[in-house]
Amino acid sequence: MDSEKLSFEEAYKQLTELVKKMESGELPLADSVAAYEQGIKLKAYCEQLLKEAELKIETLKVSNTGE
């Protein structure tokens, strides 16, 4: 997975699909561990994108109010 090239929506969709697979209980242990590791990376990537978007919004607010 090269999460650096994914949009937020794509990364979130992959994360959601991983969670569904893990919750189904049908994955072998090794696959569950790999899915968990990938999920942690996707979660961190999504959080990073959200923080960047929040910072941009705050910057725009400040520049529009002249503060």
PDB file of N, CA and C in Angstrom:
ATOM      1  N   MET A   1       0.835  -1.187   0.000  1.00  0.00           N
ATOM      2  CA  MET A   1       0.000   0.000   0.000  1.00  0.00           C
ATOM      3  C   MET A   1       0.872   1.239   0.000  1.00  0.00           C
ATOM      4  N   ASP A   2       0.621   2.109  -0.931  1.00  0.00           N
ATOM      5  CA  ASP A   2       1.323   3.384  -0.964  1.00  0.00           C
ATOM      6  C   ASP A   2       0.305   4.462  -0.620  1.00  0.00           C
ATOM      7  N   SER A   3       0.072   4.630   0.680  1.00  0.00           N
ATOM      8  CA  SER A   3      -0.980   5.541   1.113  1.00  0.00           C
ATOM      9  C   SER A   3      -0.702   6.984   0.739  1.00  0.00           C
ATOM     10  N   GLU A   4       0.550   7.324   0.475  1.00  0.00           N
ATOM     11  CA  GLU A   4       0.883   8.701   0.124  1.00  0.00           C
ATOM     12  C   GLU A   4       0.186   9.164  -1.152  1.00  0.00           C
ATOM     13  N   LYS A   5      -0.262   8.244  -1.983  1.00  0.00           N
ATOM     14  CA  LYS A   5      -0.905   8.620  -3.243  1.00  0.00           C
ATOM     15  C   LYS A   5      -2.423   8.498  -3.175  1.00  0.00           C
ATOM     16  N   LEU A   6      -2.948   8.056  -2.041  1.00  0.00           N
ATOM     17  CA  LEU A   6      -4.385   7.882  -1.908  1.00  0.00           C
ATOM     18  C   LEU A   6      -5.049   9.182  -1.481  1.00  0.00           C
ATOM     19  N   SER A   7      -6.266   9.382  -1.961  1.00  0.00           N
ATOM     20  CA  SER A   7      -7.061  10.487  -1.432  1.00  0.00           C
ATOM     21  C   SER A   7      -7.592  10.053  -0.067  1.00  0.00           C
ATOM     22  N   PHE A   8      -8.110  11.001   0.672  1.00  0.00           N
ATOM     23  CA  PHE A   8      -8.702  10.665   1.973  1.00  0.00           C
ATOM     24  C   PHE A   8      -9.812   9.637   1.786  1.00  0.00           C
ATOM     25  N   GLU A   9     -10.650   9.878   0.795  1.00  0.00           N
ATOM     26  CA  GLU A   9     -11.795   8.995   0.569  1.00  0.00           C
ATOM     27  C   GLU A   9     -11.359   7.570   0.242  1.00  0.00           C
ATOM     28  N   GLU A  10     -10.329   7.428  -0.578  1.00  0.00           N
ATOM     29  CA  GLU A  10      -9.825   6.099  -0.937  1.00  0.00           C
ATOM     30  C   GLU A  10      -9.220   5.392   0.276  1.00  0.00           C
ATOM     31  N   ALA A  11      -8.443   6.118   1.050  1.00  0.00           N
ATOM     32  CA  ALA A  11      -7.815   5.537   2.236  1.00  0.00           C
ATOM     33  C   ALA A  11      -8.882   5.129   3.253  1.00  0.00           C
ATOM     34  N   TYR A  12      -9.883   5.986   3.444  1.00  0.00           N
ATOM     35  CA  TYR A  12     -10.946   5.685   4.396  1.00  0.00           C
ATOM     36  C   TYR A  12     -11.755   4.466   3.948  1.00  0.00           C
ATOM     37  N   LYS A  13     -12.002   4.366   2.660  1.00  0.00           N
ATOM     38  CA  LYS A  13     -12.733   3.212   2.127  1.00  0.00           C
ATOM     39  C   LYS A  13     -11.941   1.927   2.380  1.00  0.00           C
ATOM     40  N   GLN A  14     -10.634   1.955   2.121  1.00  0.00           N
ATOM     41  CA  GLN A  14      -9.799   0.779   2.372  1.00  0.00           C
ATOM     42  C   GLN A  14      -9.816   0.413   3.848  1.00  0.00           C
ATOM     43  N   LEU A  15      -9.744   1.419   4.705  1.00  0.00           N
ATOM     44  CA  LEU A  15      -9.763   1.178   6.139  1.00  0.00           C
ATOM     45  C   LEU A  15     -11.092   0.533   6.554  1.00  0.00           C
ATOM     46  N   THR A  16     -12.180   1.045   6.043  1.00  0.00           N
ATOM     47  CA  THR A  16     -13.500   0.498   6.355  1.00  0.00           C
ATOM     48  C   THR A  16     -13.613  -0.951   5.901  1.00  0.00           C
ATOM     49  N   GLU A  17     -13.108  -1.247   4.714  1.00  0.00           N
ATOM     50  CA  GLU A  17     -13.154  -2.613   4.202  1.00  0.00           C
ATOM     51  C   GLU A  17     -12.311  -3.562   5.060  1.00  0.00           C
ATOM     52  N   LEU A  18     -11.149  -3.086   5.506  1.00  0.00           N
ATOM     53  CA  LEU A  18     -10.318  -3.905   6.387  1.00  0.00           C
ATOM     54  C   LEU A  18     -11.034  -4.219   7.693  1.00  0.00           C
ATOM     55  N   VAL A  19     -11.673  -3.221   8.259  1.00  0.00           N
ATOM     56  CA  VAL A  19     -12.402  -3.417   9.510  1.00  0.00           C
ATOM     57  C   VAL A  19     -13.508  -4.462   9.326  1.00  0.00           C
ATOM     58  N   LYS A  20     -14.241  -4.368   8.237  1.00  0.00           N
ATOM     59  CA  LYS A  20     -15.311  -5.335   7.973  1.00  0.00           C
ATOM     60  C   LYS A  20     -14.761  -6.753   7.874  1.00  0.00           C
ATOM     61  N   LYS A  21     -13.634  -6.904   7.166  1.00  0.00           N
ATOM     62  CA  LYS A  21     -13.025  -8.231   7.029  1.00  0.00           C
ATOM     63  C   LYS A  21     -12.583  -8.773   8.382  1.00  0.00           C
ATOM     64  N   MET A  22     -11.977  -7.908   9.185  1.00  0.00           N
ATOM     65  CA  MET A  22     -11.495  -8.345  10.491  1.00  0.00           C
ATOM     66  C   MET A  22     -12.652  -8.688  11.419  1.00  0.00           C
ATOM     67  N   GLU A  23     -13.718  -7.908  11.358  1.00  0.00           N
ATOM     68  CA  GLU A  23     -14.872  -8.151  12.212  1.00  0.00           C
ATOM     69  C   GLU A  23     -15.629  -9.412  11.821  1.00  0.00           C
ATOM     70  N   SER A  24     -15.484  -9.825  10.574  1.00  0.00           N
ATOM     71  CA  SER A  24     -16.190 -11.028  10.129  1.00  0.00           C
ATOM     72  C   SER A  24     -15.665 -12.281  10.819  1.00  0.00           C
ATOM     73  N   GLY A  25     -14.412 -12.227  11.270  1.00  0.00           N
ATOM     74  CA  GLY A  25     -13.824 -13.372  11.951  1.00  0.00           C
ATOM     75  C   GLY A  25     -13.394 -14.482  11.017  1.00  0.00           C
ATOM     76  N   GLU A  26     -13.436 -14.226   9.729  1.00  0.00           N
ATOM     77  CA  GLU A  26     -13.119 -15.264   8.755  1.00  0.00           C
ATOM     78  C   GLU A  26     -11.661 -15.240   8.294  1.00  0.00           C
ATOM     79  N   LEU A  27     -10.918 -14.205   8.670  1.00  0.00           N
ATOM     80  CA  LEU A  27      -9.523 -14.130   8.253  1.00  0.00           C
ATOM     81  C   LEU A  27      -8.654 -15.021   9.139  1.00  0.00           C
ATOM     82  N   PRO A  28      -7.699 -15.719   8.545  1.00  0.00           N
ATOM     83  CA  PRO A  28      -6.725 -16.447   9.358  1.00  0.00           C
ATOM     84  C   PRO A  28      -5.925 -15.456  10.208  1.00  0.00           C
ATOM     85  N   LEU A  29      -5.321 -15.939  11.260  1.00  0.00           N
ATOM     86  CA  LEU A  29      -4.605 -15.076  12.193  1.00  0.00           C
ATOM     87  C   LEU A  29      -3.546 -14.211  11.499  1.00  0.00           C
ATOM     88  N   ALA A  30      -2.738 -14.822  10.650  1.00  0.00           N
ATOM     89  CA  ALA A  30      -1.673 -14.062   9.970  1.00  0.00           C
ATOM     90  C   ALA A  30      -2.262 -12.942   9.120  1.00  0.00           C
ATOM     91  N   ASP A  31      -3.367 -13.218   8.439  1.00  0.00           N
ATOM     92  CA  ASP A  31      -4.016 -12.199   7.621  1.00  0.00           C
ATOM     93  C   ASP A  31      -4.632 -11.099   8.487  1.00  0.00           C
ATOM     94  N   SER A  32      -5.158 -11.482   9.640  1.00  0.00           N
ATOM     95  CA  SER A  32      -5.724 -10.496  10.565  1.00  0.00           C
ATOM     96  C   SER A  32      -4.650  -9.557  11.082  1.00  0.00           C
ATOM     97  N   VAL A  33      -3.489 -10.108  11.402  1.00  0.00           N
ATOM     98  CA  VAL A  33      -2.385  -9.280  11.886  1.00  0.00           C
ATOM     99  C   VAL A  33      -1.925  -8.322  10.783  1.00  0.00           C
ATOM    100  N   ALA A  34      -1.809  -8.829   9.564  1.00  0.00           N
ATOM    101  CA  ALA A  34      -1.402  -7.980   8.441  1.00  0.00           C
ATOM    102  C   ALA A  34      -2.446  -6.885   8.188  1.00  0.00           C
ATOM    103  N   ALA A  35      -3.722  -7.240   8.271  1.00  0.00           N
ATOM    104  CA  ALA A  35      -4.793  -6.262   8.075  1.00  0.00           C
ATOM    105  C   ALA A  35      -4.758  -5.208   9.167  1.00  0.00           C
ATOM    106  N   TYR A  36      -4.478  -5.631  10.388  1.00  0.00           N
ATOM    107  CA  TYR A  36      -4.384  -4.691  11.505  1.00  0.00           C
ATOM    108  C   TYR A  36      -3.241  -3.705  11.285  1.00  0.00           C
ATOM    109  N   GLU A  37      -2.099  -4.217  10.859  1.00  0.00           N
ATOM    110  CA  GLU A  37      -0.952  -3.348  10.586  1.00  0.00           C
ATOM    111  C   GLU A  37      -1.267  -2.347   9.486  1.00  0.00           C
ATOM    112  N   GLN A  38      -1.896  -2.818   8.433  1.00  0.00           N
ATOM    113  CA  GLN A  38      -2.260  -1.920   7.338  1.00  0.00           C
ATOM    114  C   GLN A  38      -3.295  -0.904   7.816  1.00  0.00           C
ATOM    115  N   GLY A  39      -4.223  -1.358   8.643  1.00  0.00           N
ATOM    116  CA  GLY A  39      -5.241  -0.460   9.183  1.00  0.00           C
ATOM    117  C   GLY A  39      -4.655   0.663  10.011  1.00  0.00           C
ATOM    118  N   ILE A  40      -3.632   0.345  10.806  1.00  0.00           N
ATOM    119  CA  ILE A  40      -2.971   1.372  11.611  1.00  0.00           C
ATOM    120  C   ILE A  40      -2.348   2.428  10.707  1.00  0.00           C
ATOM    121  N   LYS A  41      -1.713   1.984   9.627  1.00  0.00           N
ATOM    122  CA  LYS A  41      -1.095   2.930   8.686  1.00  0.00           C
ATOM    123  C   LYS A  41      -2.150   3.799   8.003  1.00  0.00           C
ATOM    124  N   LEU A  42      -3.240   3.176   7.582  1.00  0.00           N
ATOM    125  CA  LEU A  42      -4.307   3.935   6.924  1.00  0.00           C
ATOM    126  C   LEU A  42      -4.936   4.944   7.879  1.00  0.00           C
ATOM    127  N   LYS A  43      -5.150   4.542   9.123  1.00  0.00           N
ATOM    128  CA  LYS A  43      -5.729   5.434  10.121  1.00  0.00           C
ATOM    129  C   LYS A  43      -4.823   6.640  10.337  1.00  0.00           C
ATOM    130  N   ALA A  44      -3.549   6.401  10.478  1.00  0.00           N
ATOM    131  CA  ALA A  44      -2.601   7.505  10.677  1.00  0.00           C
ATOM    132  C   ALA A  44      -2.584   8.434   9.466  1.00  0.00           C
ATOM    133  N   TYR A  45      -2.649   7.860   8.288  1.00  0.00           N
ATOM    134  CA  TYR A  45      -2.650   8.658   7.061  1.00  0.00           C
ATOM    135  C   TYR A  45      -3.918   9.516   6.981  1.00  0.00           C
ATOM    136  N   CYS A  46      -5.062   8.932   7.303  1.00  0.00           N
ATOM    137  CA  CYS A  46      -6.318   9.685   7.288  1.00  0.00           C
ATOM    138  C   CYS A  46      -6.272  10.822   8.308  1.00  0.00           C
ATOM    139  N   GLU A  47      -5.740  10.534   9.491  1.00  0.00           N
ATOM    140  CA  GLU A  47      -5.624  11.575  10.508  1.00  0.00           C
ATOM    141  C   GLU A  47      -4.719  12.704  10.043  1.00  0.00           C
ATOM    142  N   GLN A  48      -3.628  12.361   9.371  1.00  0.00           N
ATOM    143  CA  GLN A  48      -2.708  13.371   8.847  1.00  0.00           C
ATOM    144  C   GLN A  48      -3.414  14.265   7.833  1.00  0.00           C
ATOM    145  N   LEU A  49      -4.167  13.654   6.915  1.00  0.00           N
ATOM    146  CA  LEU A  49      -4.884  14.444   5.911  1.00  0.00           C
ATOM    147  C   LEU A  49      -5.925  15.351   6.556  1.00  0.00           C
ATOM    148  N   LEU A  50      -6.614  14.851   7.574  1.00  0.00           N
ATOM    149  CA  LEU A  50      -7.604  15.673   8.266  1.00  0.00           C
ATOM    150  C   LEU A  50      -6.954  16.849   8.987  1.00  0.00           C
ATOM    151  N   LYS A  51      -5.811  16.611   9.620  1.00  0.00           N
ATOM    152  CA  LYS A  51      -5.109  17.701  10.301  1.00  0.00           C
ATOM    153  C   LYS A  51      -4.649  18.759   9.307  1.00  0.00           C
ATOM    154  N   GLU A  52      -4.164  18.318   8.145  1.00  0.00           N
ATOM    155  CA  GLU A  52      -3.735  19.265   7.112  1.00  0.00           C
ATOM    156  C   GLU A  52      -4.911  20.096   6.611  1.00  0.00           C
ATOM    157  N   ALA A  53      -6.053  19.447   6.427  1.00  0.00           N
ATOM    158  CA  ALA A  53      -7.242  20.165   5.969  1.00  0.00           C
ATOM    159  C   ALA A  53      -7.701  21.161   7.025  1.00  0.00           C
ATOM    160  N   GLU A  54      -7.662  20.754   8.280  1.00  0.00           N
ATOM    161  CA  GLU A  54      -8.052  21.644   9.373  1.00  0.00           C
ATOM    162  C   GLU A  54      -7.140  22.866   9.435  1.00  0.00           C
ATOM    163  N   LEU A  55      -5.853  22.657   9.267  1.00  0.00           N
ATOM    164  CA  LEU A  55      -4.899  23.762   9.280  1.00  0.00           C
ATOM    165  C   LEU A  55      -5.172  24.730   8.130  1.00  0.00           C
ATOM    166  N   LYS A  56      -5.471  24.194   6.954  1.00  0.00           N
ATOM    167  CA  LYS A  56      -5.788  25.052   5.804  1.00  0.00           C
ATOM    168  C   LYS A  56      -7.035  25.891   6.081  1.00  0.00           C
ATOM    169  N   ILE A  57      -8.047  25.257   6.674  1.00  0.00           N
ATOM    170  CA  ILE A  57      -9.286  25.966   6.981  1.00  0.00           C
ATOM    171  C   ILE A  57      -9.027  27.074   7.991  1.00  0.00           C
ATOM    172  N   GLU A  58      -8.255  26.771   9.026  1.00  0.00           N
ATOM    173  CA  GLU A  58      -7.932  27.788  10.033  1.00  0.00           C
ATOM    174  C   GLU A  58      -7.144  28.946   9.403  1.00  0.00           C
ATOM    175  N   THR A  59      -6.225  28.615   8.514  1.00  0.00           N
ATOM    176  CA  THR A  59      -5.439  29.641   7.822  1.00  0.00           C
ATOM    177  C   THR A  59      -6.359  30.536   6.988  1.00  0.00           C
ATOM    178  N   LEU A  60      -7.297  29.923   6.294  1.00  0.00           N
ATOM    179  CA  LEU A  60      -8.243  30.696   5.472  1.00  0.00           C
ATOM    180  C   LEU A  60      -9.126  31.589   6.346  1.00  0.00           C
ATOM    181  N   LYS A  61      -9.552  31.060   7.482  1.00  0.00           N
ATOM    182  CA  LYS A  61     -10.384  31.862   8.390  1.00  0.00           C
ATOM    183  C   LYS A  61      -9.633  33.103   8.850  1.00  0.00           C
ATOM    184  N   VAL A  62      -8.393  32.899   9.241  1.00  0.00           N
ATOM    185  CA  VAL A  62      -7.583  34.012   9.749  1.00  0.00           C
ATOM    186  C   VAL A  62      -7.343  35.033   8.644  1.00  0.00           C
ATOM    187  N   SER A  63      -7.007  34.560   7.447  1.00  0.00           N
ATOM    188  CA  SER A  63      -6.712  35.501   6.363  1.00  0.00           C
ATOM    189  C   SER A  63      -7.970  36.238   5.904  1.00  0.00           C
ATOM    190  N   ASN A  64      -9.129  35.630   6.054  1.00  0.00           N
ATOM    191  CA  ASN A  64     -10.375  36.296   5.654  1.00  0.00           C
ATOM    192  C   ASN A  64     -10.869  37.289   6.700  1.00  0.00           C
ATOM    193  N   THR A  65     -10.487  37.092   7.937  1.00  0.00           N
ATOM    194  CA  THR A  65     -10.937  38.019   8.976  1.00  0.00           C
ATOM    195  C   THR A  65      -9.926  39.122   9.220  1.00  0.00           C
ATOM    196  N   GLY A  66      -8.743  38.970   8.641  1.00  0.00           N
ATOM    197  CA  GLY A  66      -7.723  39.992   8.779  1.00  0.00           C
ATOM    198  C   GLY A  66      -7.022  39.992  10.115  1.00  0.00           C
ATOM    199  N   GLU A  67      -7.182  38.919  10.864  1.00  0.00           N
ATOM    200  CA  GLU A  67      -6.531  38.839  12.187  1.00  0.00           C
ATOM    201  C   GLU A  67      -5.087  38.488  12.067  1.00  0.00           C
TER     202      GLU A  67
END
